[in-house]
């Protein structure tokens, strides 16, 4: 399994709405994540700062599946009024953070 981590920020006053939308995540969105081979997807929040982490068979494949999905496009549009996330211009997916330490 490969690992992928990203960061983003919730817009001022939108934390409760961000959390609500994730509690009601669309079934078609979780299906895209499954098709992309994504597992153990977790998002943490500290104030307005977000940190996301997931594991997948192949990071490039997971990014491709997400970038090609109209469901992901709709989700990103739906979320843009509550958060700011830097996207990789080549893949359309979250910008990959560099892993600098791992203890297993």
PDB file of N, CA and C in Angstrom:
ATOM      1  N   UNK A   1       0.830  -1.186   0.000  1.00  0.00           N
ATOM      2  CA  UNK A   1       0.000   0.000   0.000  1.00  0.00           C
ATOM      3  C   UNK A   1       0.874   1.249   0.000  1.00  0.00           C
ATOM      4  N   UNK A   2       0.442   2.221  -0.762  1.00  0.00           N
ATOM      5  CA  UNK A   2       1.087   3.531  -0.748  1.00  0.00           C
ATOM      6  C   UNK A   2       0.258   4.469   0.131  1.00  0.00           C
ATOM      7  N   UNK A   3       0.888   5.527   0.587  1.00  0.00           N
ATOM      8  CA  UNK A   3       0.228   6.498   1.463  1.00  0.00           C
ATOM      9  C   UNK A   3       0.133   7.846   0.758  1.00  0.00           C
ATOM     10  N   UNK A   4      -0.927   8.565   1.079  1.00  0.00           N
ATOM     11  CA  UNK A   4      -1.134   9.891   0.507  1.00  0.00           C
ATOM     12  C   UNK A   4      -1.643  10.799   1.609  1.00  0.00           C
ATOM     13  N   UNK A   5      -1.075  11.994   1.706  1.00  0.00           N
ATOM     14  CA  UNK A   5      -1.519  12.970   2.700  1.00  0.00           C
ATOM     15  C   UNK A   5      -1.713  14.318   2.027  1.00  0.00           C
ATOM     16  N   UNK A   6      -2.700  15.064   2.508  1.00  0.00           N
ATOM     17  CA  UNK A   6      -2.985  16.390   1.966  1.00  0.00           C
ATOM     18  C   UNK A   6      -3.366  17.328   3.105  1.00  0.00           C
ATOM     19  N   UNK A   7      -3.370  18.615   2.778  1.00  0.00           N
ATOM     20  CA  UNK A   7      -3.807  19.598   3.762  1.00  0.00           C
ATOM     21  C   UNK A   7      -4.714  20.608   3.080  1.00  0.00           C
ATOM     22  N   UNK A   8      -5.550  21.230   3.882  1.00  0.00           N
ATOM     23  CA  UNK A   8      -6.478  22.236   3.376  1.00  0.00           C
ATOM     24  C   UNK A   8      -6.903  23.106   4.557  1.00  0.00           C
ATOM     25  N   UNK A   9      -7.804  24.036   4.287  1.00  0.00           N
ATOM     26  CA  UNK A   9      -8.261  24.956   5.313  1.00  0.00           C
ATOM     27  C   UNK A   9      -9.765  25.159   5.161  1.00  0.00           C
ATOM     28  N   UNK A  10     -10.472  25.135   6.282  1.00  0.00           N
ATOM     29  CA  UNK A  10     -11.895  25.446   6.293  1.00  0.00           C
ATOM     30  C   UNK A  10     -12.028  26.977   6.313  1.00  0.00           C
ATOM     31  N   UNK A  11     -12.952  27.478   5.535  1.00  0.00           N
ATOM     32  CA  UNK A  11     -13.183  28.922   5.502  1.00  0.00           C
ATOM     33  C   UNK A  11     -13.798  29.399   6.819  1.00  0.00           C
ATOM     34  N   UNK A  12     -13.568  30.658   7.194  1.00  0.00           N
ATOM     35  CA  UNK A  12     -14.080  31.178   8.467  1.00  0.00           C
ATOM     36  C   UNK A  12     -15.588  30.951   8.616  1.00  0.00           C
ATOM     37  N   UNK A  13     -15.961  30.463   9.791  1.00  0.00           N
ATOM     38  CA  UNK A  13     -17.359  30.249  10.111  1.00  0.00           C
ATOM     39  C   UNK A  13     -17.997  29.025   9.477  1.00  0.00           C
ATOM     40  N   UNK A  14     -17.219  28.193   8.794  1.00  0.00           N
ATOM     41  CA  UNK A  14     -17.789  27.067   8.044  1.00  0.00           C
ATOM     42  C   UNK A  14     -17.434  25.690   8.608  1.00  0.00           C
ATOM     43  N   UNK A  15     -16.834  25.630   9.793  1.00  0.00           N
ATOM     44  CA  UNK A  15     -16.418  24.341  10.356  1.00  0.00           C
ATOM     45  C   UNK A  15     -17.612  23.408  10.529  1.00  0.00           C
ATOM     46  N   UNK A  16     -18.688  23.886  11.143  1.00  0.00           N
ATOM     47  CA  UNK A  16     -19.849  23.018  11.366  1.00  0.00           C
ATOM     48  C   UNK A  16     -20.410  22.501  10.042  1.00  0.00           C
ATOM     49  N   UNK A  17     -20.450  23.352   9.035  1.00  0.00           N
ATOM     50  CA  UNK A  17     -20.965  22.930   7.728  1.00  0.00           C
ATOM     51  C   UNK A  17     -20.035  21.918   7.072  1.00  0.00           C
ATOM     52  N   UNK A  18     -18.736  22.116   7.194  1.00  0.00           N
ATOM     53  CA  UNK A  18     -17.762  21.160   6.654  1.00  0.00           C
ATOM     54  C   UNK A  18     -17.987  19.779   7.282  1.00  0.00           C
ATOM     55  N   UNK A  19     -18.101  19.755   8.597  1.00  0.00           N
ATOM     56  CA  UNK A  19     -18.307  18.485   9.306  1.00  0.00           C
ATOM     57  C   UNK A  19     -19.638  17.865   8.883  1.00  0.00           C
ATOM     58  N   UNK A  20     -20.709  18.651   8.802  1.00  0.00           N
ATOM     59  CA  UNK A  20     -22.014  18.130   8.412  1.00  0.00           C
ATOM     60  C   UNK A  20     -21.960  17.480   7.039  1.00  0.00           C
ATOM     61  N   UNK A  21     -21.316  18.133   6.086  1.00  0.00           N
ATOM     62  CA  UNK A  21     -21.253  17.584   4.733  1.00  0.00           C
ATOM     63  C   UNK A  21     -20.507  16.257   4.697  1.00  0.00           C
ATOM     64  N   UNK A  22     -19.498  16.108   5.525  1.00  0.00           N
ATOM     65  CA  UNK A  22     -18.778  14.834   5.538  1.00  0.00           C
ATOM     66  C   UNK A  22     -19.559  13.745   6.274  1.00  0.00           C
ATOM     67  N   UNK A  23     -20.390  14.119   7.215  1.00  0.00           N
ATOM     68  CA  UNK A  23     -21.252  13.122   7.857  1.00  0.00           C
ATOM     69  C   UNK A  23     -22.300  12.614   6.880  1.00  0.00           C
ATOM     70  N   UNK A  24     -22.585  13.413   5.852  1.00  0.00           N
ATOM     71  CA  UNK A  24     -23.592  13.061   4.847  1.00  0.00           C
ATOM     72  C   UNK A  24     -22.949  12.842   3.472  1.00  0.00           C
ATOM     73  N   UNK A  25     -21.722  12.310   3.472  1.00  0.00           N
ATOM     74  CA  UNK A  25     -21.008  12.129   2.204  1.00  0.00           C
ATOM     75  C   UNK A  25     -21.839  11.283   1.240  1.00  0.00           C
ATOM     76  N   UNK A  26     -21.800  11.652  -0.012  1.00  0.00           N
ATOM     77  CA  UNK A  26     -22.600  10.960  -1.027  1.00  0.00           C
ATOM     78  C   UNK A  26     -22.111   9.528  -1.225  1.00  0.00           C
ATOM     79  N   UNK A  27     -23.024   8.581  -1.339  1.00  0.00           N
ATOM     80  CA  UNK A  27     -22.623   7.197  -1.615  1.00  0.00           C
ATOM     81  C   UNK A  27     -21.834   7.079  -2.921  1.00  0.00           C
ATOM     82  N   UNK A  28     -22.166   7.884  -3.926  1.00  0.00           N
ATOM     83  CA  UNK A  28     -21.422   7.818  -5.186  1.00  0.00           C
ATOM     84  C   UNK A  28     -19.993   8.346  -5.021  1.00  0.00           C
ATOM     85  N   UNK A  29     -19.775   9.209  -4.038  1.00  0.00           N
ATOM     86  CA  UNK A  29     -18.414   9.686  -3.767  1.00  0.00           C
ATOM     87  C   UNK A  29     -17.596   8.580  -3.110  1.00  0.00           C
ATOM     88  N   UNK A  30     -18.179   7.879  -2.155  1.00  0.00           N
ATOM     89  CA  UNK A  30     -17.432   6.785  -1.526  1.00  0.00           C
ATOM     90  C   UNK A  30     -17.183   5.656  -2.524  1.00  0.00           C
ATOM     91  N   UNK A  31     -18.066   5.500  -3.503  1.00  0.00           N
ATOM     92  CA  UNK A  31     -17.848   4.498  -4.560  1.00  0.00           C
ATOM     93  C   UNK A  31     -16.640   4.870  -5.416  1.00  0.00           C
ATOM     94  N   UNK A  32     -16.480   6.141  -5.741  1.00  0.00           N
ATOM     95  CA  UNK A  32     -15.301   6.588  -6.503  1.00  0.00           C
ATOM     96  C   UNK A  32     -14.035   6.295  -5.705  1.00  0.00           C
ATOM     97  N   UNK A  33     -14.058   6.586  -4.414  1.00  0.00           N
ATOM     98  CA  UNK A  33     -12.888   6.315  -3.570  1.00  0.00           C
ATOM     99  C   UNK A  33     -12.562   4.828  -3.578  1.00  0.00           C
ATOM    100  N   UNK A  34     -13.590   3.990  -3.485  1.00  0.00           N
ATOM    101  CA  UNK A  34     -13.372   2.540  -3.524  1.00  0.00           C
ATOM    102  C   UNK A  34     -12.760   2.129  -4.855  1.00  0.00           C
ATOM    103  N   UNK A  35     -13.309   2.653  -5.965  1.00  0.00           N
ATOM    104  CA  UNK A  35     -12.784   2.310  -7.296  1.00  0.00           C
ATOM    105  C   UNK A  35     -11.338   2.777  -7.457  1.00  0.00           C
ATOM    106  N   UNK A  36     -10.996   3.862  -6.788  1.00  0.00           N
ATOM    107  CA  UNK A  36      -9.629   4.383  -6.853  1.00  0.00           C
ATOM    108  C   UNK A  36      -8.670   3.568  -5.987  1.00  0.00           C
ATOM    109  N   UNK A  37      -9.197   2.608  -5.236  1.00  0.00           N
ATOM    110  CA  UNK A  37      -8.351   1.776  -4.383  1.00  0.00           C
ATOM    111  C   UNK A  37      -7.990   2.444  -3.074  1.00  0.00           C
ATOM    112  N   UNK A  38      -8.762   3.438  -2.672  1.00  0.00           N
ATOM    113  CA  UNK A  38      -8.467   4.212  -1.462  1.00  0.00           C
ATOM    114  C   UNK A  38      -9.087   3.545  -0.245  1.00  0.00           C
ATOM    115  N   UNK A  39      -8.278   3.418   0.813  1.00  0.00           N
ATOM    116  CA  UNK A  39      -8.726   2.835   2.078  1.00  0.00           C
ATOM    117  C   UNK A  39      -8.166   3.665   3.230  1.00  0.00           C
ATOM    118  N   UNK A  40      -8.734   3.448   4.398  1.00  0.00           N
ATOM    119  CA  UNK A  40      -8.266   4.149   5.610  1.00  0.00           C
ATOM    120  C   UNK A  40      -8.206   5.664   5.401  1.00  0.00           C
ATOM    121  N   UNK A  41      -9.182   6.206   4.702  1.00  0.00           N
ATOM    122  CA  UNK A  41      -9.227   7.643   4.443  1.00  0.00           C
ATOM    123  C   UNK A  41      -9.703   8.335   5.716  1.00  0.00           C
ATOM    124  N   UNK A  42      -8.873   9.219   6.228  1.00  0.00           N
ATOM    125  CA  UNK A  42      -9.160   9.920   7.474  1.00  0.00           C
ATOM    126  C   UNK A  42      -8.849  11.397   7.295  1.00  0.00           C
ATOM    127  N   UNK A  43      -9.693  12.242   7.865  1.00  0.00           N
ATOM    128  CA  UNK A  43      -9.441  13.683   7.863  1.00  0.00           C
ATOM    129  C   UNK A  43      -9.443  14.148   9.317  1.00  0.00           C
ATOM    130  N   UNK A  44      -8.399  14.867   9.696  1.00  0.00           N
ATOM    131  CA  UNK A  44      -8.310  15.475  11.019  1.00  0.00           C
ATOM    132  C   UNK A  44      -8.454  16.980  10.874  1.00  0.00           C
ATOM    133  N   UNK A  45      -8.924  17.630  11.953  1.00  0.00           N
ATOM    134  CA  UNK A  45      -9.064  19.085  11.960  1.00  0.00           C
ATOM    135  C   UNK A  45      -8.466  19.648  13.228  1.00  0.00           C
ATOM    136  N   UNK A  46      -7.737  20.757  13.085  1.00  0.00           N
ATOM    137  CA  UNK A  46      -7.244  21.543  14.217  1.00  0.00           C
ATOM    138  C   UNK A  46      -7.627  22.981  13.914  1.00  0.00           C
ATOM    139  N   UNK A  47      -8.637  23.470  14.597  1.00  0.00           N
ATOM    140  CA  UNK A  47      -9.163  24.796  14.256  1.00  0.00           C
ATOM    141  C   UNK A  47      -9.729  24.749  12.844  1.00  0.00           C
ATOM    142  N   UNK A  48      -9.161  25.558  11.950  1.00  0.00           N
ATOM    143  CA  UNK A  48      -9.612  25.554  10.552  1.00  0.00           C
ATOM    144  C   UNK A  48      -8.667  24.780   9.641  1.00  0.00           C
ATOM    145  N   UNK A  49      -7.594  24.232  10.200  1.00  0.00           N
ATOM    146  CA  UNK A  49      -6.633  23.472   9.407  1.00  0.00           C
ATOM    147  C   UNK A  49      -7.068  22.016   9.305  1.00  0.00           C
ATOM    148  N   UNK A  50      -7.005  21.481   8.093  1.00  0.00           N
ATOM    149  CA  UNK A  50      -7.376  20.099   7.834  1.00  0.00           C
ATOM    150  C   UNK A  50      -6.148  19.313   7.391  1.00  0.00           C
ATOM    151  N   UNK A  51      -6.105  18.064   7.810  1.00  0.00           N
ATOM    152  CA  UNK A  51      -5.064  17.142   7.359  1.00  0.00           C
ATOM    153  C   UNK A  51      -5.756  15.843   6.972  1.00  0.00           C
ATOM    154  N   UNK A  52      -5.578  15.431   5.729  1.00  0.00           N
ATOM    155  CA  UNK A  52      -6.186  14.197   5.253  1.00  0.00           C
ATOM    156  C   UNK A  52      -5.120  13.160   4.958  1.00  0.00           C
ATOM    157  N   UNK A  53      -5.489  11.905   5.152  1.00  0.00           N
ATOM    158  CA  UNK A  53      -4.566  10.786   4.926  1.00  0.00           C
ATOM    159  C   UNK A  53      -5.353   9.607   4.382  1.00  0.00           C
ATOM    160  N   UNK A  54      -4.789   8.937   3.387  1.00  0.00           N
ATOM    161  CA  UNK A  54      -5.360   7.666   2.964  1.00  0.00           C
ATOM    162  C   UNK A  54      -4.273   6.750   2.441  1.00  0.00           C
ATOM    163  N   UNK A  55      -4.636   5.489   2.337  1.00  0.00           N
ATOM    164  CA  UNK A  55      -3.764   4.473   1.768  1.00  0.00           C
ATOM    165  C   UNK A  55      -4.411   3.982   0.484  1.00  0.00           C
ATOM    166  N   UNK A  56      -3.587   3.605  -0.483  1.00  0.00           N
ATOM    167  CA  UNK A  56      -4.120   3.121  -1.757  1.00  0.00           C
ATOM    168  C   UNK A  56      -3.104   2.188  -2.406  1.00  0.00           C
ATOM    169  N   UNK A  57      -3.596   1.442  -3.394  1.00  0.00           N
ATOM    170  CA  UNK A  57      -2.701   0.519  -4.106  1.00  0.00           C
ATOM    171  C   UNK A  57      -1.627   1.305  -4.844  1.00  0.00           C
ATOM    172  N   UNK A  58      -2.029   2.424  -5.463  1.00  0.00           N
ATOM    173  CA  UNK A  58      -1.104   3.205  -6.285  1.00  0.00           C
ATOM    174  C   UNK A  58      -1.577   4.661  -6.283  1.00  0.00           C
ATOM    175  N   UNK A  59      -0.734   5.570  -5.804  1.00  0.00           N
ATOM    176  CA  UNK A  59      -1.106   6.982  -5.688  1.00  0.00           C
ATOM    177  C   UNK A  59      -1.450   7.582  -7.048  1.00  0.00           C
ATOM    178  N   UNK A  60      -0.666   7.269  -8.068  1.00  0.00           N
ATOM    179  CA  UNK A  60      -0.931   7.833  -9.402  1.00  0.00           C
ATOM    180  C   UNK A  60      -2.273   7.353  -9.948  1.00  0.00           C
ATOM    181  N   UNK A  61      -2.580   6.089  -9.752  1.00  0.00           N
ATOM    182  CA  UNK A  61      -3.861   5.537 -10.209  1.00  0.00           C
ATOM    183  C   UNK A  61      -5.022   6.164  -9.445  1.00  0.00           C
ATOM    184  N   UNK A  62      -4.869   6.307  -8.126  1.00  0.00           N
ATOM    185  CA  UNK A  62      -5.921   6.927  -7.317  1.00  0.00           C
ATOM    186  C   UNK A  62      -6.166   8.366  -7.767  1.00  0.00           C
ATOM    187  N   UNK A  63      -5.102   9.099  -8.054  1.00  0.00           N
ATOM    188  CA  UNK A  63      -5.245  10.475  -8.533  1.00  0.00           C
ATOM    189  C   UNK A  63      -5.938  10.512  -9.893  1.00  0.00           C
ATOM    190  N   UNK A  64      -5.584   9.576 -10.776  1.00  0.00           N
ATOM    191  CA  UNK A  64      -6.201   9.537 -12.113  1.00  0.00           C
ATOM    192  C   UNK A  64      -7.694   9.262 -12.025  1.00  0.00           C
ATOM    193  N   UNK A  65      -8.072   8.257 -11.235  1.00  0.00           N
ATOM    194  CA  UNK A  65      -9.491   7.904 -11.098  1.00  0.00           C
ATOM    195  C   UNK A  65     -10.275   9.092 -10.562  1.00  0.00           C
ATOM    196  N   UNK A  66      -9.734   9.771  -9.563  1.00  0.00           N
ATOM    197  CA  UNK A  66     -10.418  10.935  -9.000  1.00  0.00           C
ATOM    198  C   UNK A  66     -10.507  12.076 -10.010  1.00  0.00           C
ATOM    199  N   UNK A  67      -9.415  12.318 -10.731  1.00  0.00           N
ATOM    200  CA  UNK A  67      -9.390  13.423 -11.695  1.00  0.00           C
ATOM    201  C   UNK A  67     -10.366  13.203 -12.840  1.00  0.00           C
ATOM    202  N   UNK A  68     -10.608  11.948 -13.192  1.00  0.00           N
ATOM    203  CA  UNK A  68     -11.502  11.629 -14.304  1.00  0.00           C
ATOM    204  C   UNK A  68     -12.966  11.507 -13.883  1.00  0.00           C
ATOM    205  N   UNK A  69     -13.242  11.630 -12.601  1.00  0.00           N
ATOM    206  CA  UNK A  69     -14.598  11.397 -12.102  1.00  0.00           C
ATOM    207  C   UNK A  69     -15.441  12.674 -12.076  1.00  0.00           C
ATOM    208  N   UNK A  70     -16.589  12.669 -12.747  1.00  0.00           N
ATOM    209  CA  UNK A  70     -17.498  13.806 -12.637  1.00  0.00           C
ATOM    210  C   UNK A  70     -18.086  13.935 -11.225  1.00  0.00           C
ATOM    211  N   UNK A  71     -18.135  12.835 -10.483  1.00  0.00           N
ATOM    212  CA  UNK A  71     -18.620  12.890  -9.098  1.00  0.00           C
ATOM    213  C   UNK A  71     -17.653  13.718  -8.254  1.00  0.00           C
ATOM    214  N   UNK A  72     -16.358  13.493  -8.430  1.00  0.00           N
ATOM    215  CA  UNK A  72     -15.361  14.268  -7.692  1.00  0.00           C
ATOM    216  C   UNK A  72     -15.443  15.744  -8.093  1.00  0.00           C
ATOM    217  N   UNK A  73     -15.641  16.016  -9.366  1.00  0.00           N
ATOM    218  CA  UNK A  73     -15.815  17.413  -9.805  1.00  0.00           C
ATOM    219  C   UNK A  73     -17.002  18.057  -9.094  1.00  0.00           C
ATOM    220  N   UNK A  74     -18.122  17.323  -9.003  1.00  0.00           N
ATOM    221  CA  UNK A  74     -19.311  17.850  -8.317  1.00  0.00           C
ATOM    222  C   UNK A  74     -19.034  18.056  -6.827  1.00  0.00           C
ATOM    223  N   UNK A  75     -18.325  17.094  -6.214  1.00  0.00           N
ATOM    224  CA  UNK A  75     -17.990  17.207  -4.784  1.00  0.00           C
ATOM    225  C   UNK A  75     -17.116  18.437  -4.549  1.00  0.00           C
ATOM    226  N   UNK A  76     -16.103  18.614  -5.383  1.00  0.00           N
ATOM    227  CA  UNK A  76     -15.221  19.784  -5.230  1.00  0.00           C
ATOM    228  C   UNK A  76     -16.002  21.089  -5.380  1.00  0.00           C
ATOM    229  N   UNK A  77     -16.919  21.133  -6.309  1.00  0.00           N
ATOM    230  CA  UNK A  77     -17.769  22.312  -6.495  1.00  0.00           C
ATOM    231  C   UNK A  77     -18.639  22.530  -5.255  1.00  0.00           C
ATOM    232  N   UNK A  78     -19.200  21.449  -4.728  1.00  0.00           N
ATOM    233  CA  UNK A  78     -20.051  21.488  -3.543  1.00  0.00           C
ATOM    234  C   UNK A  78     -19.279  21.991  -2.320  1.00  0.00           C
ATOM    235  N   UNK A  79     -17.998  21.646  -2.223  1.00  0.00           N
ATOM    236  CA  UNK A  79     -17.199  21.975  -1.046  1.00  0.00           C
ATOM    237  C   UNK A  79     -16.475  23.318  -1.133  1.00  0.00           C
ATOM    238  N   UNK A  80     -16.436  23.945  -2.297  1.00  0.00           N
ATOM    239  CA  UNK A  80     -15.596  25.135  -2.446  1.00  0.00           C
ATOM    240  C   UNK A  80     -16.077  26.340  -1.638  1.00  0.00           C
ATOM    241  N   UNK A  81     -17.325  26.338  -1.182  1.00  0.00           N
ATOM    242  CA  UNK A  81     -17.780  27.458  -0.361  1.00  0.00           C
ATOM    243  C   UNK A  81     -17.500  27.250   1.127  1.00  0.00           C
ATOM    244  N   UNK A  82     -16.932  26.089   1.494  1.00  0.00           N
ATOM    245  CA  UNK A  82     -16.612  25.837   2.897  1.00  0.00           C
ATOM    246  C   UNK A  82     -15.129  25.583   3.146  1.00  0.00           C
ATOM    247  N   UNK A  83     -14.345  25.392   2.082  1.00  0.00           N
ATOM    248  CA  UNK A  83     -12.930  25.083   2.296  1.00  0.00           C
ATOM    249  C   UNK A  83     -12.065  25.544   1.123  1.00  0.00           C
ATOM    250  N   UNK A  84     -10.785  25.625   1.389  1.00  0.00           N
ATOM    251  CA  UNK A  84      -9.790  25.936   0.362  1.00  0.00           C
ATOM    252  C   UNK A  84      -8.781  24.798   0.357  1.00  0.00           C
ATOM    253  N   UNK A  85      -8.597  24.213  -0.836  1.00  0.00           N
ATOM    254  CA  UNK A  85      -7.640  23.123  -0.984  1.00  0.00           C
ATOM    255  C   UNK A  85      -6.807  23.377  -2.232  1.00  0.00           C
ATOM    256  N   UNK A  86      -5.519  23.258  -2.078  1.00  0.00           N
ATOM    257  CA  UNK A  86      -4.627  23.382  -3.230  1.00  0.00           C
ATOM    258  C   UNK A  86      -4.688  22.094  -4.030  1.00  0.00           C
ATOM    259  N   UNK A  87      -4.983  22.210  -5.327  1.00  0.00           N
ATOM    260  CA  UNK A  87      -5.034  21.041  -6.200  1.00  0.00           C
ATOM    261  C   UNK A  87      -3.843  21.041  -7.150  1.00  0.00           C
ATOM    262  N   UNK A  88      -3.336  19.863  -7.439  1.00  0.00           N
ATOM    263  CA  UNK A  88      -2.251  19.703  -8.394  1.00  0.00           C
ATOM    264  C   UNK A  88      -2.791  20.006  -9.788  1.00  0.00           C
ATOM    265  N   UNK A  89      -2.202  20.962 -10.502  1.00  0.00           N
ATOM    266  CA  UNK A  89      -2.729  21.322 -11.819  1.00  0.00           C
ATOM    267  C   UNK A  89      -2.619  20.192 -12.849  1.00  0.00           C
ATOM    268  N   UNK A  90      -1.693  19.266 -12.654  1.00  0.00           N
ATOM    269  CA  UNK A  90      -1.522  18.161 -13.599  1.00  0.00           C
ATOM    270  C   UNK A  90      -2.549  17.050 -13.388  1.00  0.00           C
ATOM    271  N   UNK A  91      -2.851  16.753 -12.119  1.00  0.00           N
ATOM    272  CA  UNK A  91      -3.744  15.629 -11.833  1.00  0.00           C
ATOM    273  C   UNK A  91      -5.149  16.065 -11.440  1.00  0.00           C
ATOM    274  N   UNK A  92      -5.314  17.291 -10.961  1.00  0.00           N
ATOM    275  CA  UNK A  92      -6.602  17.736 -10.455  1.00  0.00           C
ATOM    276  C   UNK A  92      -6.895  17.210  -9.065  1.00  0.00           C
ATOM    277  N   UNK A  93      -5.970  16.425  -8.498  1.00  0.00           N
ATOM    278  CA  UNK A  93      -6.138  15.871  -7.144  1.00  0.00           C
ATOM    279  C   UNK A  93      -5.424  16.770  -6.131  1.00  0.00           C
ATOM    280  N   UNK A  94      -5.603  16.442  -4.866  1.00  0.00           N
ATOM    281  CA  UNK A  94      -4.917  17.179  -3.826  1.00  0.00           C
ATOM    282  C   UNK A  94      -3.410  17.118  -4.044  1.00  0.00           C
ATOM    283  N   UNK A  95      -2.723  18.193  -3.662  1.00  0.00           N
ATOM    284  CA  UNK A  95      -1.270  18.223  -3.772  1.00  0.00           C
ATOM    285  C   UNK A  95      -0.665  17.273  -2.740  1.00  0.00           C
ATOM    286  N   UNK A  96       0.181  16.388  -3.204  1.00  0.00           N
ATOM    287  CA  UNK A  96       0.825  15.391  -2.349  1.00  0.00           C
ATOM    288  C   UNK A  96       1.815  16.053  -1.403  1.00  0.00           C
ATOM    289  N   UNK A  97       1.711  15.705  -0.119  1.00  0.00           N
ATOM    290  CA  UNK A  97       2.702  16.154   0.855  1.00  0.00           C
ATOM    291  C   UNK A  97       3.872  15.187   0.841  1.00  0.00           C
ATOM    292  N   UNK A  98       5.058  15.699   1.098  1.00  0.00           N
ATOM    293  CA  UNK A  98       6.252  14.853   1.111  1.00  0.00           C
ATOM    294  C   UNK A  98       6.342  14.116   2.445  1.00  0.00           C
ATOM    295  N   UNK A  99       6.470  12.808   2.393  1.00  0.00           N
ATOM    296  CA  UNK A  99       6.663  12.016   3.612  1.00  0.00           C
ATOM    297  C   UNK A  99       8.113  12.135   4.028  1.00  0.00           C
ATOM    298  N   UNK A 100       8.341  12.499   5.296  1.00  0.00           N
ATOM    299  CA  UNK A 100       9.704  12.646   5.784  1.00  0.00           C
ATOM    300  C   UNK A 100      10.045  11.671   6.904  1.00  0.00           C
ATOM    301  N   UNK A 101       9.053  10.957   7.431  1.00  0.00           N
ATOM    302  CA  UNK A 101       9.306  10.001   8.505  1.00  0.00           C
ATOM    303  C   UNK A 101       8.208   8.952   8.514  1.00  0.00           C
ATOM    304  N   UNK A 102       8.576   7.713   8.795  1.00  0.00           N
ATOM    305  CA  UNK A 102       7.615   6.628   8.928  1.00  0.00           C
ATOM    306  C   UNK A 102       8.140   5.661   9.975  1.00  0.00           C
ATOM    307  N   UNK A 103       7.305   5.323  10.926  1.00  0.00           N
ATOM    308  CA  UNK A 103       7.622   4.293  11.921  1.00  0.00           C
ATOM    309  C   UNK A 103       6.523   3.249  11.850  1.00  0.00           C
ATOM    310  N   UNK A 104       6.887   2.032  11.479  1.00  0.00           N
ATOM    311  CA  UNK A 104       5.887   0.944  11.408  1.00  0.00           C
ATOM    312  C   UNK A 104       6.163  -0.084  12.476  1.00  0.00           C
TER     313      UNK A 104
END
